[in-house]
N, C-alpha and C. Protein backbone atom coordinates (compact mmCIF):
# COMPACT_ATOMS: atom_id res chain seq x y z
N MET A 1 -63.58 -74.55 88.16
CA MET A 1 -62.50 -74.80 89.25
C MET A 1 -61.88 -73.43 88.90
N ALA A 2 -61.94 -72.91 90.00
CA ALA A 2 -60.68 -71.83 90.00
C ALA A 2 -59.20 -71.88 89.77
N ARG A 3 -58.63 -71.13 88.60
CA ARG A 3 -56.92 -71.49 88.45
C ARG A 3 -55.97 -71.82 89.58
N ASN A 4 -56.32 -71.24 90.71
CA ASN A 4 -55.24 -71.63 91.80
C ASN A 4 -55.79 -72.96 92.12
N THR A 5 -56.65 -73.93 91.99
CA THR A 5 -56.88 -74.80 92.54
C THR A 5 -56.65 -75.90 90.97
N LEU A 6 -56.36 -75.27 89.98
CA LEU A 6 -56.37 -76.01 88.99
C LEU A 6 -54.80 -77.45 89.12
N ALA A 7 -53.86 -76.46 89.39
CA ALA A 7 -52.84 -77.28 89.60
C ALA A 7 -52.79 -78.47 91.00
N ILE A 8 -53.26 -77.61 91.94
CA ILE A 8 -53.30 -79.06 93.31
C ILE A 8 -54.02 -79.53 93.51
N TYR A 9 -55.30 -80.10 92.32
CA TYR A 9 -56.08 -81.22 92.18
C TYR A 9 -55.64 -82.61 92.28
N MET A 10 -53.67 -82.57 91.81
CA MET A 10 -53.57 -84.42 91.42
C MET A 10 -53.14 -84.32 93.14
N ASP A 11 -52.83 -83.05 94.05
CA ASP A 11 -52.59 -84.02 95.54
C ASP A 11 -54.14 -84.71 96.36
N LYS A 12 -55.10 -84.41 95.49
CA LYS A 12 -56.21 -85.16 96.45
C LYS A 12 -56.91 -86.25 95.36
N VAL A 13 -56.59 -86.28 94.43
CA VAL A 13 -57.32 -87.82 93.61
C VAL A 13 -56.20 -88.89 93.41
N THR A 14 -56.91 -89.94 93.43
CA THR A 14 -56.02 -91.24 92.95
C THR A 14 -55.77 -91.61 91.92
N GLU A 15 -54.95 -92.67 91.80
CA GLU A 15 -54.74 -93.11 90.21
C GLU A 15 -56.50 -93.72 89.17
N ALA A 16 -56.87 -94.29 90.04
CA ALA A 16 -58.05 -94.45 89.74
C ALA A 16 -59.10 -93.04 89.26
N ASP A 17 -58.95 -92.72 90.30
CA ASP A 17 -60.02 -91.39 90.15
C ASP A 17 -59.58 -90.37 88.69
N ILE A 18 -58.35 -90.23 88.60
CA ILE A 18 -57.81 -89.89 87.01
C ILE A 18 -58.05 -90.71 86.01
N ILE A 19 -58.07 -92.11 86.01
CA ILE A 19 -58.12 -92.95 85.00
C ILE A 19 -60.10 -92.82 84.70
N ASP A 20 -60.63 -92.93 85.66
CA ASP A 20 -62.11 -92.68 85.39
C ASP A 20 -61.98 -91.60 84.77
N MET A 21 -61.87 -90.71 85.01
CA MET A 21 -62.10 -89.11 84.56
C MET A 21 -61.64 -89.49 83.02
N HIS A 22 -60.66 -89.69 82.57
CA HIS A 22 -60.20 -89.50 81.22
C HIS A 22 -60.78 -90.95 80.16
N SER A 23 -60.57 -92.51 81.25
CA SER A 23 -61.02 -93.45 80.27
C SER A 23 -61.91 -93.07 79.16
N LYS A 24 -62.92 -92.68 79.42
CA LYS A 24 -64.31 -93.19 78.77
C LYS A 24 -64.01 -92.13 77.41
N ARG A 25 -63.45 -91.23 77.67
CA ARG A 25 -63.36 -90.07 76.27
C ARG A 25 -62.26 -91.26 75.64
N LEU A 26 -60.93 -91.40 76.43
CA LEU A 26 -60.05 -91.91 75.82
C LEU A 26 -60.15 -93.56 74.81
N GLU A 27 -61.12 -94.24 75.38
CA GLU A 27 -61.79 -95.26 74.75
C GLU A 27 -62.56 -94.63 73.41
N VAL A 28 -63.31 -93.89 73.79
CA VAL A 28 -63.74 -93.75 72.73
C VAL A 28 -63.01 -93.22 70.79
N LEU A 29 -61.91 -92.51 71.68
CA LEU A 29 -60.88 -92.36 70.47
C LEU A 29 -60.05 -93.11 69.76
N ILE A 30 -59.57 -94.05 71.03
CA ILE A 30 -58.90 -95.50 70.42
C ILE A 30 -59.99 -96.39 69.64
N ASN A 31 -60.98 -96.25 70.07
CA ASN A 31 -62.03 -97.33 69.52
C ASN A 31 -62.08 -96.55 68.04
N SER A 32 -61.89 -95.40 67.87
CA SER A 32 -62.57 -94.54 66.44
C SER A 32 -61.22 -94.52 65.50
N ASN A 33 -60.19 -94.99 65.89
CA ASN A 33 -58.59 -95.35 65.25
C ASN A 33 -58.09 -94.44 65.06
N VAL A 34 -58.04 -93.09 65.45
CA VAL A 34 -57.36 -92.43 65.67
C VAL A 34 -55.95 -92.25 65.31
N ASP A 35 -55.63 -91.43 64.67
CA ASP A 35 -53.98 -91.96 64.01
C ASP A 35 -53.20 -90.86 65.20
N ILE A 36 -53.34 -89.84 65.90
CA ILE A 36 -53.10 -89.55 66.95
C ILE A 36 -53.61 -89.00 67.72
N LEU A 37 -52.91 -89.27 69.14
CA LEU A 37 -53.68 -88.90 70.15
C LEU A 37 -52.79 -87.50 71.18
N ALA A 38 -53.39 -86.51 71.21
CA ALA A 38 -52.95 -85.32 72.08
C ALA A 38 -53.63 -85.49 73.09
N ILE A 39 -52.65 -85.36 74.29
CA ILE A 39 -52.89 -85.54 75.37
C ILE A 39 -52.53 -83.76 76.00
N GLU A 40 -53.08 -82.52 75.63
CA GLU A 40 -52.70 -81.16 76.02
C GLU A 40 -53.24 -80.61 76.93
N THR A 41 -52.41 -79.44 77.68
CA THR A 41 -53.10 -78.82 78.56
C THR A 41 -52.91 -79.49 80.07
N MET A 42 -51.84 -80.12 79.77
CA MET A 42 -51.72 -81.30 81.42
C MET A 42 -51.02 -79.97 82.37
N ARG A 43 -51.10 -80.49 83.44
CA ARG A 43 -50.56 -79.66 84.29
C ARG A 43 -49.47 -80.23 84.91
N SER A 44 -49.78 -81.80 85.40
CA SER A 44 -49.26 -82.77 86.25
C SER A 44 -48.08 -83.78 85.61
N LEU A 45 -46.89 -83.89 85.50
CA LEU A 45 -46.35 -84.72 84.81
C LEU A 45 -46.85 -86.72 85.64
N ALA A 46 -47.34 -86.64 86.84
CA ALA A 46 -48.11 -88.09 87.38
C ALA A 46 -49.19 -87.82 86.50
N GLU A 47 -50.20 -86.98 86.62
CA GLU A 47 -51.04 -87.23 85.85
C GLU A 47 -51.38 -88.08 84.02
N VAL A 48 -50.12 -87.45 83.49
CA VAL A 48 -50.02 -87.69 82.14
C VAL A 48 -49.31 -89.08 82.09
N GLU A 49 -48.35 -89.28 83.14
CA GLU A 49 -48.01 -90.84 83.07
C GLU A 49 -49.11 -91.75 83.38
N MET A 50 -50.07 -91.44 84.24
CA MET A 50 -51.47 -92.23 84.57
C MET A 50 -51.99 -92.87 83.52
N ILE A 51 -52.18 -91.62 82.25
CA ILE A 51 -52.80 -91.74 81.22
C ILE A 51 -51.96 -92.97 80.29
N LEU A 52 -50.36 -92.42 80.09
CA LEU A 52 -49.67 -93.21 79.09
C LEU A 52 -49.41 -94.83 79.66
N ARG A 53 -49.66 -94.52 81.54
CA ARG A 53 -50.02 -96.03 81.68
C ARG A 53 -50.75 -97.08 81.61
N PHE A 54 -51.97 -96.46 81.13
CA PHE A 54 -53.48 -96.59 81.19
C PHE A 54 -53.39 -96.97 79.37
N LEU A 55 -52.89 -96.01 78.38
CA LEU A 55 -52.97 -96.65 77.14
C LEU A 55 -51.98 -97.70 76.66
N GLN A 56 -50.82 -98.03 77.46
CA GLN A 56 -49.89 -99.10 77.71
C GLN A 56 -50.60 -100.46 78.02
N SER A 57 -51.57 -100.00 78.97
CA SER A 57 -52.02 -101.20 79.66
C SER A 57 -53.07 -101.93 78.31
N ARG A 58 -53.54 -101.07 77.64
CA ARG A 58 -54.83 -101.13 76.72
C ARG A 58 -53.98 -101.75 75.12
N ASN A 59 -52.87 -101.86 75.02
CA ASN A 59 -51.76 -102.46 74.17
C ASN A 59 -52.27 -101.06 72.82
N VAL A 60 -52.40 -99.82 73.40
CA VAL A 60 -53.00 -98.78 72.20
C VAL A 60 -51.47 -98.43 71.21
N ASN A 61 -51.92 -99.19 70.32
CA ASN A 61 -50.89 -98.23 68.94
C ASN A 61 -51.20 -97.12 68.79
N VAL A 62 -51.20 -96.49 69.21
CA VAL A 62 -51.75 -95.08 68.51
C VAL A 62 -49.95 -93.95 69.14
N LYS A 63 -50.19 -92.76 68.02
CA LYS A 63 -49.03 -92.21 68.29
C LYS A 63 -49.22 -91.21 69.36
N VAL A 64 -48.93 -91.23 70.34
CA VAL A 64 -49.37 -89.48 71.25
C VAL A 64 -48.28 -88.59 71.13
N LEU A 65 -49.05 -87.63 71.58
CA LEU A 65 -48.18 -86.07 72.09
C LEU A 65 -48.53 -85.68 73.10
N ASP A 66 -47.74 -85.18 73.93
CA ASP A 66 -47.35 -85.02 75.01
C ASP A 66 -47.34 -83.21 75.48
N LEU A 67 -48.14 -82.35 75.73
CA LEU A 67 -48.40 -81.10 75.82
C LEU A 67 -48.56 -80.89 77.43
N PHE A 68 -47.48 -79.86 77.85
CA PHE A 68 -48.00 -79.55 79.44
C PHE A 68 -48.03 -78.19 79.27
N GLN A 69 -49.14 -77.68 80.45
CA GLN A 69 -49.51 -76.19 80.89
C GLN A 69 -48.19 -75.78 81.81
N SER A 70 -47.42 -74.63 81.05
CA SER A 70 -45.93 -74.39 81.57
C SER A 70 -46.80 -72.99 82.79
N THR A 71 -47.77 -72.82 83.01
CA THR A 71 -48.28 -71.63 83.83
C THR A 71 -49.34 -71.69 84.95
N GLY A 72 -49.44 -71.12 86.14
CA GLY A 72 -50.14 -71.56 87.02
C GLY A 72 -49.80 -71.04 88.49
N LYS A 73 -50.41 -72.08 89.72
CA LYS A 73 -49.98 -71.93 91.00
C LYS A 73 -50.36 -72.97 91.29
N LEU A 74 -48.85 -73.65 92.11
CA LEU A 74 -48.95 -74.62 92.78
C LEU A 74 -48.80 -74.30 94.40
N ARG A 75 -49.77 -74.56 94.89
CA ARG A 75 -49.67 -74.38 96.49
C ARG A 75 -49.87 -72.90 96.36
N GLU A 76 -49.12 -72.48 97.19
CA GLU A 76 -48.90 -71.02 97.63
C GLU A 76 -47.81 -70.12 96.77
N GLU A 77 -46.99 -71.00 95.86
CA GLU A 77 -46.05 -70.64 95.28
C GLU A 77 -46.16 -70.69 93.26
N GLU A 78 -46.16 -69.59 93.12
CA GLU A 78 -46.37 -69.33 91.48
C GLU A 78 -45.26 -69.79 90.64
N VAL A 79 -45.77 -70.48 89.52
CA VAL A 79 -44.93 -71.18 88.98
C VAL A 79 -45.11 -70.06 87.18
N GLU A 80 -46.05 -69.33 87.60
CA GLU A 80 -46.38 -68.47 86.33
C GLU A 80 -45.05 -67.88 85.70
N ASN A 81 -43.81 -67.25 86.21
CA ASN A 81 -43.01 -66.99 86.07
C ASN A 81 -41.42 -67.98 85.91
N ASP A 82 -41.78 -69.46 85.85
CA ASP A 82 -41.07 -70.06 85.56
C ASP A 82 -41.53 -71.08 85.06
N PRO A 83 -41.07 -70.48 83.60
CA PRO A 83 -41.16 -71.90 82.11
C PRO A 83 -40.49 -73.07 82.26
N SER A 84 -39.45 -73.38 83.05
CA SER A 84 -38.96 -74.59 82.88
C SER A 84 -39.68 -75.53 84.11
N ARG A 85 -40.98 -74.95 84.54
CA ARG A 85 -41.78 -76.09 85.17
C ARG A 85 -43.31 -76.14 84.43
N THR A 86 -43.85 -77.46 84.87
CA THR A 86 -45.21 -77.38 84.18
C THR A 86 -45.51 -76.48 85.50
N ALA A 87 -47.66 -76.43 85.05
CA ALA A 87 -48.20 -75.66 86.34
C ALA A 87 -48.06 -76.46 87.45
N TYR A 88 -48.11 -77.79 87.56
CA TYR A 88 -48.10 -78.51 88.95
C TYR A 88 -46.48 -78.26 89.51
N GLY A 89 -45.94 -77.90 88.81
CA GLY A 89 -44.46 -77.38 89.23
C GLY A 89 -42.99 -79.07 88.96
N ASP A 90 -43.38 -79.67 88.14
CA ASP A 90 -42.73 -80.46 87.69
C ASP A 90 -41.91 -80.04 86.17
N TYR A 91 -40.42 -80.28 86.99
CA TYR A 91 -39.59 -79.61 86.07
C TYR A 91 -39.29 -80.29 84.50
N VAL A 92 -39.72 -79.36 83.67
CA VAL A 92 -39.94 -79.44 81.62
C VAL A 92 -38.96 -80.70 81.25
N THR A 93 -37.65 -80.70 82.23
CA THR A 93 -36.92 -81.81 81.84
C THR A 93 -37.16 -83.12 82.58
N ASP A 94 -37.31 -83.35 83.31
CA ASP A 94 -38.36 -84.47 84.07
C ASP A 94 -39.33 -85.22 83.79
N ALA A 95 -40.32 -84.51 83.01
CA ALA A 95 -41.36 -84.32 82.34
C ALA A 95 -40.81 -85.10 80.94
N PHE A 96 -40.04 -84.57 80.24
CA PHE A 96 -39.07 -85.06 78.71
C PHE A 96 -38.99 -86.05 78.84
N GLN A 97 -38.05 -86.34 79.71
CA GLN A 97 -36.97 -87.57 80.18
C GLN A 97 -38.04 -88.63 80.59
N THR A 98 -39.23 -88.42 81.35
CA THR A 98 -40.08 -89.50 81.69
C THR A 98 -41.41 -90.05 80.49
N VAL A 99 -41.57 -89.40 79.73
CA VAL A 99 -42.33 -89.17 78.70
C VAL A 99 -42.11 -89.84 77.54
N SER A 100 -40.78 -89.74 77.26
CA SER A 100 -39.54 -90.30 76.22
C SER A 100 -39.66 -91.78 76.29
N LYS A 101 -39.95 -91.91 77.77
CA LYS A 101 -40.07 -93.74 78.02
C LYS A 101 -40.56 -94.88 77.29
N TYR A 102 -41.96 -93.60 76.94
CA TYR A 102 -43.19 -94.51 76.40
C TYR A 102 -42.86 -94.65 74.81
N SER A 103 -42.75 -95.68 73.93
CA SER A 103 -42.55 -96.23 72.72
C SER A 103 -43.53 -95.30 71.93
N ASN A 104 -44.70 -94.97 72.44
CA ASN A 104 -45.86 -94.54 71.70
C ASN A 104 -45.80 -92.83 71.62
N VAL A 105 -45.08 -92.26 72.29
CA VAL A 105 -44.28 -91.26 72.54
C VAL A 105 -44.12 -90.16 71.18
N PHE A 106 -44.45 -89.64 70.58
CA PHE A 106 -43.77 -88.84 69.31
C PHE A 106 -43.28 -87.48 69.54
N GLY A 107 -44.11 -86.80 70.21
CA GLY A 107 -44.42 -85.56 70.35
C GLY A 107 -44.32 -85.03 72.25
N PHE A 108 -43.47 -83.64 72.33
CA PHE A 108 -43.33 -83.50 73.89
C PHE A 108 -43.56 -81.48 73.42
N GLY A 109 -44.27 -81.28 74.69
CA GLY A 109 -44.04 -79.71 74.24
C GLY A 109 -44.77 -78.87 75.50
N THR A 110 -45.20 -78.25 75.06
CA THR A 110 -46.49 -77.19 75.46
C THR A 110 -47.40 -76.32 75.01
N ASN A 111 -48.13 -75.97 75.39
CA ASN A 111 -49.55 -75.28 74.50
C ASN A 111 -50.24 -74.29 75.85
N CYS A 112 -50.62 -73.17 75.05
CA CYS A 112 -51.27 -72.73 76.25
C CYS A 112 -50.18 -71.61 77.24
N VAL A 113 -49.61 -71.31 76.54
CA VAL A 113 -48.46 -70.92 77.13
C VAL A 113 -48.47 -69.34 76.53
N ASN A 114 -47.68 -68.16 77.46
CA ASN A 114 -47.55 -67.48 77.16
C ASN A 114 -45.95 -67.37 75.97
N ARG A 115 -46.56 -66.22 74.87
CA ARG A 115 -45.39 -66.64 73.59
C ARG A 115 -44.35 -66.53 74.05
N LYS A 116 -43.91 -65.18 75.19
CA LYS A 116 -43.02 -64.76 75.22
C LYS A 116 -41.64 -66.02 76.36
N LYS A 117 -42.61 -66.91 76.48
CA LYS A 117 -41.55 -68.07 76.98
C LYS A 117 -41.59 -69.48 75.96
N CYS A 118 -42.34 -69.29 74.71
CA CYS A 118 -42.46 -70.16 74.05
C CYS A 118 -40.30 -70.56 73.73
N GLU A 119 -39.72 -69.28 73.88
CA GLU A 119 -38.14 -69.61 73.46
C GLU A 119 -38.00 -70.13 74.36
N TYR A 120 -37.63 -69.78 75.66
CA TYR A 120 -36.98 -70.60 76.49
C TYR A 120 -37.72 -71.94 76.89
N ILE A 121 -38.74 -72.13 76.77
CA ILE A 121 -39.67 -73.67 76.70
C ILE A 121 -38.41 -74.77 75.50
N SER A 122 -38.45 -74.03 74.31
CA SER A 122 -38.04 -74.69 73.34
C SER A 122 -36.41 -74.89 73.73
N GLU A 123 -35.91 -73.90 74.29
CA GLU A 123 -34.65 -74.55 74.57
C GLU A 123 -34.53 -75.44 75.47
N VAL A 124 -35.21 -75.20 76.73
CA VAL A 124 -34.93 -76.40 77.51
C VAL A 124 -35.12 -77.67 77.26
N SER A 125 -36.41 -77.94 76.12
CA SER A 125 -36.56 -79.12 75.56
C SER A 125 -36.13 -79.78 74.67
N SER A 126 -35.15 -78.72 74.15
CA SER A 126 -34.27 -79.41 73.24
C SER A 126 -33.28 -79.51 73.80
N GLN A 127 -32.75 -79.01 75.16
CA GLN A 127 -31.73 -79.95 75.67
C GLN A 127 -31.51 -81.01 76.22
N ALA A 128 -33.37 -81.32 76.17
CA ALA A 128 -33.40 -82.72 77.58
C ALA A 128 -33.87 -84.11 76.38
N LYS A 129 -33.94 -83.07 74.74
CA LYS A 129 -34.04 -84.11 74.11
C LYS A 129 -32.73 -84.49 73.27
N ALA A 130 -31.96 -83.71 73.25
CA ALA A 130 -30.34 -84.02 73.06
C ALA A 130 -29.87 -84.65 74.39
N GLU A 131 -30.20 -84.33 75.48
CA GLU A 131 -29.25 -85.38 76.77
C GLU A 131 -29.79 -86.87 76.44
N ALA A 132 -31.15 -86.88 75.94
CA ALA A 132 -31.91 -88.50 76.07
C ALA A 132 -31.53 -89.14 74.53
N ALA A 133 -31.12 -88.49 73.75
CA ALA A 133 -30.72 -89.07 72.65
C ALA A 133 -32.18 -89.47 71.98
N SER A 134 -32.71 -88.38 71.69
CA SER A 134 -34.24 -89.11 71.34
C SER A 134 -34.77 -88.61 70.06
N ASP A 135 -35.70 -88.82 69.44
CA ASP A 135 -36.26 -88.63 68.28
C ASP A 135 -37.78 -87.66 68.37
N ILE A 136 -38.11 -87.61 69.55
CA ILE A 136 -39.35 -87.17 69.87
C ILE A 136 -39.42 -85.66 69.59
N ARG A 137 -40.19 -85.60 68.78
CA ARG A 137 -40.73 -84.14 67.90
C ARG A 137 -40.82 -83.28 69.05
N LEU A 138 -40.68 -82.01 68.99
CA LEU A 138 -40.90 -80.93 70.13
C LEU A 138 -41.98 -80.13 69.41
N ILE A 139 -42.71 -79.46 69.84
CA ILE A 139 -44.05 -78.93 70.01
C ILE A 139 -44.73 -77.81 70.53
N VAL A 140 -43.99 -76.77 70.72
CA VAL A 140 -44.56 -75.48 71.36
C VAL A 140 -45.41 -74.67 70.68
N TYR A 141 -46.40 -74.00 71.19
CA TYR A 141 -47.39 -72.95 70.88
C TYR A 141 -47.98 -71.96 72.09
N PRO A 142 -48.10 -70.81 71.40
CA PRO A 142 -48.56 -70.34 72.72
C PRO A 142 -50.54 -69.87 72.18
N ASN A 143 -50.64 -69.35 73.57
CA ASN A 143 -52.08 -68.97 73.52
C ASN A 143 -52.10 -67.93 72.93
N VAL A 144 -53.54 -67.22 73.04
CA VAL A 144 -54.25 -66.37 72.54
C VAL A 144 -54.07 -64.91 72.82
N GLY A 145 -53.08 -64.82 73.70
CA GLY A 145 -52.26 -63.73 74.23
C GLY A 145 -53.26 -63.27 75.74
N GLN A 146 -54.29 -63.94 76.07
CA GLN A 146 -54.89 -63.26 76.94
C GLN A 146 -54.51 -64.06 78.49
N THR A 147 -54.79 -63.31 79.42
CA THR A 147 -53.91 -63.73 80.81
C THR A 147 -55.26 -63.41 81.37
N TRP A 148 -55.00 -64.98 83.00
CA TRP A 148 -56.13 -65.10 83.46
C TRP A 148 -55.98 -64.22 84.79
N ILE A 149 -56.96 -63.52 85.37
CA ILE A 149 -56.80 -62.57 87.04
C ILE A 149 -57.75 -63.54 87.25
N SER A 150 -57.56 -63.92 88.98
CA SER A 150 -58.52 -64.74 89.71
C SER A 150 -59.90 -63.57 89.51
N ASP A 151 -60.65 -64.61 89.87
CA ASP A 151 -62.25 -63.42 90.08
C ASP A 151 -62.44 -63.08 88.83
N LYS A 152 -61.75 -62.57 87.79
CA LYS A 152 -61.90 -61.75 87.04
C LYS A 152 -61.88 -62.37 85.93
N GLY A 153 -61.42 -63.64 85.33
CA GLY A 153 -61.16 -64.15 84.32
C GLY A 153 -60.06 -63.85 83.02
N LYS A 154 -60.57 -64.37 81.89
CA LYS A 154 -59.26 -63.51 80.73
C LYS A 154 -59.56 -62.41 80.46
N THR A 155 -58.36 -61.99 80.34
CA THR A 155 -58.18 -60.93 80.08
C THR A 155 -58.05 -60.41 78.44
N GLN A 156 -58.05 -59.05 77.73
CA GLN A 156 -58.14 -59.11 76.20
C GLN A 156 -56.44 -58.79 76.24
N LYS A 157 -55.90 -58.09 77.21
CA LYS A 157 -54.20 -58.23 77.26
C LYS A 157 -53.52 -58.71 76.34
N GLN A 158 -52.77 -58.13 75.27
CA GLN A 158 -51.92 -58.96 74.27
C GLN A 158 -50.76 -59.07 75.05
N CYS A 159 -50.10 -60.01 74.94
CA CYS A 159 -48.74 -60.46 75.59
C CYS A 159 -47.84 -59.34 74.35
């Protein structure tokens, strides 16, 4: 899937499609009695919430870490330079408020993000955490410093 289509797939799938895509892997992990389930590099809040509802419907008692990707292309609008939004275009604060409603979520943040944006994302997430009076852990970590260029792939350029 090309990068410019990664974020918009949510406009073309149903919740059943998403659950079908994730459920087999989730069931294997759940049945393996993992202590922590990392749902990471997610582009869309809607997709994360579908996964959380799936886990809730199974009465899964595993701690969940939700990490969003904050860069990408939403339709014709670039969110690459807006670290306050996920790759799909959801606001980080909205994502935090939504996932914090699920009792098994213990961590929230972003991964695969340019390290220059980590500070801003940490600040926005910290503000959302304070507003929600939440004890959810904030986790932010950068990518390896590569940049994606359509039709060329990853570059070796350092941030």
